[in-house]
C-alpha atoms as a PDB file:
ATOM      1  CA  MET A   1       0.000   0.000   0.000  1.00  0.00           C
ATOM      2  CA  ARG A   2       2.869   2.372   0.805  1.00  0.00           C
ATOM      3  CA  ARG A   3       4.252   1.909  -2.713  1.00  0.00           C
ATOM      4  CA  LEU A   4       0.952   2.843  -4.333  1.00  0.00           C
ATOM      5  CA  TYR A   5       0.572   6.124  -2.387  1.00  0.00           C
ATOM      6  CA  PRO A   6       3.429   8.014  -4.176  1.00  0.00           C
ATOM      7  CA  ILE A   7       2.163   6.846  -7.571  1.00  0.00           C
ATOM      8  CA  PHE A   8      -1.408   7.838  -6.695  1.00  0.00           C
ATOM      9  CA  ALA A   9      -0.253  11.247  -5.368  1.00  0.00           C
ATOM     10  CA  ALA A  10       1.814  11.878  -8.506  1.00  0.00           C
ATOM     11  CA  ALA A  11      -1.176  10.959 -10.719  1.00  0.00           C
ATOM     12  CA  VAL A  12      -3.459  13.343  -8.804  1.00  0.00           C
ATOM     13  CA  ILE A  13      -0.924  16.185  -9.035  1.00  0.00           C
ATOM     14  CA  LEU A  14      -0.414  15.541 -12.766  1.00  0.00           C
ATOM     15  CA  ALA A  15      -4.175  15.492 -13.391  1.00  0.00           C
ATOM     16  CA  MET A  16      -4.646  18.750 -11.441  1.00  0.00           C
ATOM     17  CA  THR A  17      -1.790  20.394 -13.342  1.00  0.00           C
ATOM     18  CA  LEU A  18      -3.119  19.355 -16.739  1.00  0.00           C
ATOM     19  CA  THR A  19      -6.654  20.450 -15.850  1.00  0.00           C
ATOM     20  CA  GLY A  20      -5.388  23.831 -14.668  1.00  0.00           C
ATOM     21  CA  CYS A  21      -3.572  24.367 -17.978  1.00  0.00           C
ATOM     22  CA  ALA A  22      -6.606  23.840 -20.162  1.00  0.00           C
ATOM     23  CA  ALA A  23      -8.118  26.935 -21.735  1.00  0.00           C
ATOM     24  CA  PRO A  24     -11.391  27.982 -20.111  1.00  0.00           C
ATOM     25  CA  ALA A  25     -14.469  27.280 -22.181  1.00  0.00           C
ATOM     26  CA  THR A  26     -16.430  30.288 -23.366  1.00  0.00           C
ATOM     27  CA  ASP A  27     -19.890  30.636 -24.821  1.00  0.00           C
ATOM     28  CA  GLN A  28     -18.866  33.539 -27.052  1.00  0.00           C
ATOM     29  CA  PRO A  29     -17.436  32.947 -30.511  1.00  0.00           C
ATOM     30  CA  GLU A  30     -14.036  34.332 -31.397  1.00  0.00           C
ATOM     31  CA  PRO A  31     -14.328  37.789 -32.970  1.00  0.00           C
ATOM     32  CA  THR A  32     -13.716  37.949 -36.689  1.00  0.00           C
ATOM     33  CA  PRO A  33     -10.216  39.316 -37.339  1.00  0.00           C
ATOM     34  CA  ILE A  34     -10.048  42.619 -39.158  1.00  0.00           C
ATOM     35  CA  THR A  35      -7.873  42.622 -42.228  1.00  0.00           C
ATOM     36  CA  PRO A  36      -6.821  46.136 -43.241  1.00  0.00           C
ATOM     37  CA  GLY A  37      -4.097  46.289 -45.844  1.00  0.00           C
ATOM     38  CA  GLY A  38      -3.239  42.604 -45.534  1.00  0.00           C
ATOM     39  CA  ALA A  39      -2.589  42.784 -41.780  1.00  0.00           C
ATOM     40  CA  SER A  40      -4.822  40.913 -39.380  1.00  0.00           C
ATOM     41  CA  PRO A  41      -5.109  42.602 -36.003  1.00  0.00           C
ATOM     42  CA  GLN A  42      -7.578  40.974 -33.655  1.00  0.00           C
ATOM     43  CA  GLY A  43     -10.388  43.162 -32.329  1.00  0.00           C
ATOM     44  CA  THR A  44     -10.013  46.367 -30.358  1.00  0.00           C
ATOM     45  CA  LEU A  45      -6.550  45.639 -28.997  1.00  0.00           C
ATOM     46  CA  GLY A  46      -5.355  44.584 -32.439  1.00  0.00           C
ATOM     47  CA  LEU A  47      -6.591  47.881 -33.853  1.00  0.00           C
ATOM     48  CA  ALA A  48      -4.743  49.760 -31.102  1.00  0.00           C
ATOM     49  CA  GLU A  49      -1.538  47.904 -32.000  1.00  0.00           C
ATOM     50  CA  GLU A  50      -2.044  48.587 -35.712  1.00  0.00           C
ATOM     51  CA  LEU A  51      -2.437  52.315 -34.993  1.00  0.00           C
ATOM     52  CA  ARG A  52       0.670  52.295 -32.771  1.00  0.00           C
ATOM     53  CA  GLY A  53       2.568  50.541 -35.550  1.00  0.00           C
ATOM     54  CA  ALA A  54       1.574  53.398 -37.869  1.00  0.00           C
ATOM     55  CA  GLY A  55       3.185  55.870 -35.460  1.00  0.00           C
ATOM     56  CA  ALA A  56       0.162  57.009 -33.428  1.00  0.00           C
ATOM     57  CA  ALA A  57       0.206  57.469 -29.677  1.00  0.00           C
ATOM     58  CA  VAL A  58      -2.638  55.212 -28.519  1.00  0.00           C
ATOM     59  CA  GLU A  59      -3.969  54.882 -24.986  1.00  0.00           C
ATOM     60  CA  LEU A  60      -6.717  52.575 -23.792  1.00  0.00           C
ATOM     61  CA  GLY A  61      -9.484  54.705 -22.318  1.00  0.00           C
ATOM     62  CA  GLU A  62     -12.675  53.936 -20.445  1.00  0.00           C
ATOM     63  CA  LYS A  63     -15.578  51.773 -21.542  1.00  0.00           C
ATOM     64  CA  THR A  64     -18.282  53.671 -23.397  1.00  0.00           C
ATOM     65  CA  ARG A  65     -21.927  53.156 -24.364  1.00  0.00           C
ATOM     66  CA  GLN A  66     -24.012  54.552 -27.161  1.00  0.00           C
ATOM     67  CA  ASP A  67     -27.794  54.154 -27.107  1.00  0.00           C
ATOM     68  CA  PHE A  68     -27.792  53.237 -30.793  1.00  0.00           C
ATOM     69  CA  PHE A  69     -25.351  50.287 -30.469  1.00  0.00           C
ATOM     70  CA  GLU A  70     -25.875  47.069 -28.532  1.00  0.00           C
ATOM     71  CA  PRO A  71     -22.320  46.217 -27.455  1.00  0.00           C
ATOM     72  CA  GLU A  72     -20.389  48.238 -24.946  1.00  0.00           C
ATOM     73  CA  GLY A  73     -17.535  50.114 -26.584  1.00  0.00           C
ATOM     74  CA  GLN A  74     -13.948  50.818 -25.674  1.00  0.00           C
ATOM     75  CA  MET A  75     -12.521  54.316 -25.859  1.00  0.00           C
ATOM     76  CA  LEU A  76      -9.100  54.696 -27.460  1.00  0.00           C
ATOM     77  CA  LEU A  77      -7.198  57.973 -27.316  1.00  0.00           C
ATOM     78  CA  VAL A  78      -5.450  58.242 -30.674  1.00  0.00           C
ATOM     79  CA  ASP A  79      -2.951  61.098 -30.629  1.00  0.00           C
ATOM     80  CA  GLY A  80      -5.115  62.599 -27.874  1.00  0.00           C
ATOM     81  CA  GLU A  81      -8.368  62.297 -29.861  1.00  0.00           C
ATOM     82  CA  PRO A  82     -11.198  60.075 -28.477  1.00  0.00           C
ATOM     83  CA  VAL A  83     -12.086  57.186 -30.792  1.00  0.00           C
ATOM     84  CA  GLN A  84     -14.862  54.756 -29.837  1.00  0.00           C
ATOM     85  CA  VAL A  85     -14.500  51.093 -30.842  1.00  0.00           C
ATOM     86  CA  PHE A  86     -17.497  48.754 -30.735  1.00  0.00           C
ATOM     87  CA  GLU A  87     -16.950  45.037 -31.191  1.00  0.00           C
ATOM     88  CA  TRP A  88     -19.752  42.639 -32.088  1.00  0.00           C
ATOM     89  CA  PRO A  89     -19.549  38.859 -31.657  1.00  0.00           C
ATOM     90  CA  SER A  90     -19.429  38.476 -35.446  1.00  0.00           C
ATOM     91  CA  ALA A  91     -18.941  40.503 -38.612  1.00  0.00           C
ATOM     92  CA  ALA A  92     -22.491  39.604 -39.688  1.00  0.00           C
ATOM     93  CA  GLN A  93     -23.943  41.187 -36.541  1.00  0.00           C
ATOM     94  CA  ALA A  94     -21.824  44.320 -36.983  1.00  0.00           C
ATOM     95  CA  ALA A  95     -23.032  44.587 -40.585  1.00  0.00           C
ATOM     96  CA  GLU A  96     -26.628  44.786 -39.320  1.00  0.00           C
ATOM     97  CA  ALA A  97     -26.008  48.179 -37.682  1.00  0.00           C
ATOM     98  CA  ALA A  98     -28.120  50.539 -39.804  1.00  0.00           C
ATOM     99  CA  ILE A  99     -25.892  53.615 -40.112  1.00  0.00           C
ATOM    100  CA  SER A 100     -27.118  56.212 -42.604  1.00  0.00           C
ATOM    101  CA  ALA A 101     -24.562  57.352 -45.195  1.00  0.00           C
ATOM    102  CA  ASP A 102     -24.640  60.894 -43.803  1.00  0.00           C
ATOM    103  CA  ALA A 103     -24.300  59.593 -40.200  1.00  0.00           C
ATOM    104  CA  SER A 104     -27.457  61.453 -39.177  1.00  0.00           C
ATOM    105  CA  SER A 105     -29.095  58.289 -37.865  1.00  0.00           C
ATOM    106  CA  VAL A 106     -28.315  54.811 -36.627  1.00  0.00           C
ATOM    107  CA  GLY A 107     -31.336  52.546 -36.766  1.00  0.00           C
ATOM    108  CA  THR A 108     -34.255  54.644 -35.543  1.00  0.00           C
ATOM    109  CA  THR A 109     -32.070  57.044 -33.546  1.00  0.00           C
ATOM    110  CA  MET A 110     -31.596  60.512 -35.043  1.00  0.00           C
ATOM    111  CA  ILE A 111     -28.337  62.087 -33.903  1.00  0.00           C
ATOM    112  CA  THR A 112     -27.113  65.659 -33.566  1.00  0.00           C
ATOM    113  CA  TRP A 113     -23.328  65.652 -33.435  1.00  0.00           C
ATOM    114  CA  VAL A 114     -21.006  68.130 -31.686  1.00  0.00           C
ATOM    115  CA  ASP A 115     -18.382  67.657 -34.432  1.00  0.00           C
ATOM    116  CA  THR A 116     -18.040  65.714 -37.681  1.00  0.00           C
ATOM    117  CA  PRO A 117     -18.853  61.991 -37.193  1.00  0.00           C
ATOM    118  CA  HIS A 118     -16.860  59.337 -39.058  1.00  0.00           C
ATOM    119  CA  PHE A 119     -17.933  55.681 -38.932  1.00  0.00           C
ATOM    120  CA  TYR A 120     -15.507  52.948 -40.017  1.00  0.00           C
ATOM    121  CA  ALA A 121     -16.269  49.236 -40.194  1.00  0.00           C
ATOM    122  CA  GLU A 122     -14.024  46.226 -40.556  1.00  0.00           C
ATOM    123  CA  GLY A 123     -14.939  42.675 -39.601  1.00  0.00           C
ATOM    124  CA  SER A 124     -16.692  42.672 -36.239  1.00  0.00           C
ATOM    125  CA  LEU A 125     -15.636  46.260 -35.435  1.00  0.00           C
ATOM    126  CA  ILE A 126     -17.430  49.544 -35.910  1.00  0.00           C
ATOM    127  CA  VAL A 127     -15.300  52.555 -35.050  1.00  0.00           C
ATOM    128  CA  LEU A 128     -16.707  56.013 -34.387  1.00  0.00           C
ATOM    129  CA  TYR A 129     -14.547  59.106 -34.465  1.00  0.00           C
ATOM    130  CA  VAL A 130     -16.316  62.395 -33.771  1.00  0.00           C
ATOM    131  CA  GLY A 131     -13.817  65.083 -34.654  1.00  0.00           C
ATOM    132  CA  SER A 132     -11.959  66.809 -37.429  1.00  0.00           C
ATOM    133  CA  ASP A 133      -8.282  65.939 -36.959  1.00  0.00           C
ATOM    134  CA  ALA A 134      -7.096  65.005 -40.472  1.00  0.00           C
ATOM    135  CA  ALA A 135      -4.175  62.950 -39.128  1.00  0.00           C
ATOM    136  CA  VAL A 136      -6.472  60.778 -36.978  1.00  0.00           C
ATOM    137  CA  GLU A 137      -8.861  60.368 -39.917  1.00  0.00           C
ATOM    138  CA  ALA A 138      -5.936  59.229 -42.098  1.00  0.00           C
ATOM    139  CA  LEU A 139      -4.717  56.746 -39.463  1.00  0.00           C
ATOM    140  CA  LEU A 140      -8.182  55.223 -39.142  1.00  0.00           C
ATOM    141  CA  ALA A 141      -8.646  55.051 -42.921  1.00  0.00           C
ATOM    142  CA  ASP A 142      -5.256  53.343 -43.321  1.00  0.00           C
ATOM    143  CA  ALA A 143      -6.167  50.758 -40.671  1.00  0.00           C
ATOM    144  CA  LEU A 144      -9.857  50.234 -41.496  1.00  0.00           C
ATOM    145  CA  GLY A 145     -10.468  51.502 -45.008  1.00  0.00           C
ATOM    146  CA  ASP A 146     -12.607  54.436 -46.073  1.00  0.00           C
ATOM    147  CA  PRO A 147     -15.354  55.518 -43.683  1.00  0.00           C
ATOM    148  CA  ILE A 148     -18.744  53.884 -44.238  1.00  0.00           C
ATOM    149  CA  ALA A 149     -20.472  57.112 -43.153  1.00  0.00           C
ATOM    150  CA  VAL A 150     -19.364  60.701 -42.662  1.00  0.00           C
ATOM    151  CA  GLY A 151     -21.616  63.412 -41.358  1.00  0.00           C
ATOM    152  CA  ALA A 152     -21.565  67.103 -42.005  1.00  0.00           C
ATOM    153  CA  ALA A 153     -19.794  69.384 -39.582  1.00  0.00           C
ATOM    154  CA  PRO A 154     -22.357  70.801 -37.170  1.00  0.00           C
ATOM    155  CA  TRP A 155     -23.685  74.243 -37.890  1.00  0.00           C
ATOM    156  CA  LEU A 156     -22.652  76.650 -35.181  1.00  0.00           C
ATOM    157  CA  PRO A 157     -24.051  80.210 -35.032  1.00  0.00           C
END
């Protein structure tokens, strides 16, 4: 019996070690990789790395919500400009977001912007930049392609 105890203990330790190394199961599918310009960054963090690789200063900001989008977004500060990134479980679900070409509405929500809105889409990501910094616009276009919607600059008296 004494000889079996070390073997049994080693088997239990090995089983616990192997079980602890297994990847946790998730119910969510892997996000579809975005593929700008032949690269393949993965999701929000991949986009941040792509922008850094293009020379931008990128900081991860706070989580953000927009009433017109289902998923919670992630704020990125790109060269000091706030850029909102929304990631859907799949590219097909992201493609269902009904953004008007002039960015005046998303679905049934009519929007009045404080600056020029730019929507970009790639894979499971929809990126919203509300601003007018040409360098940030160029960085986003290089990473994600041309905007899918651009609104007019707001009229200010």
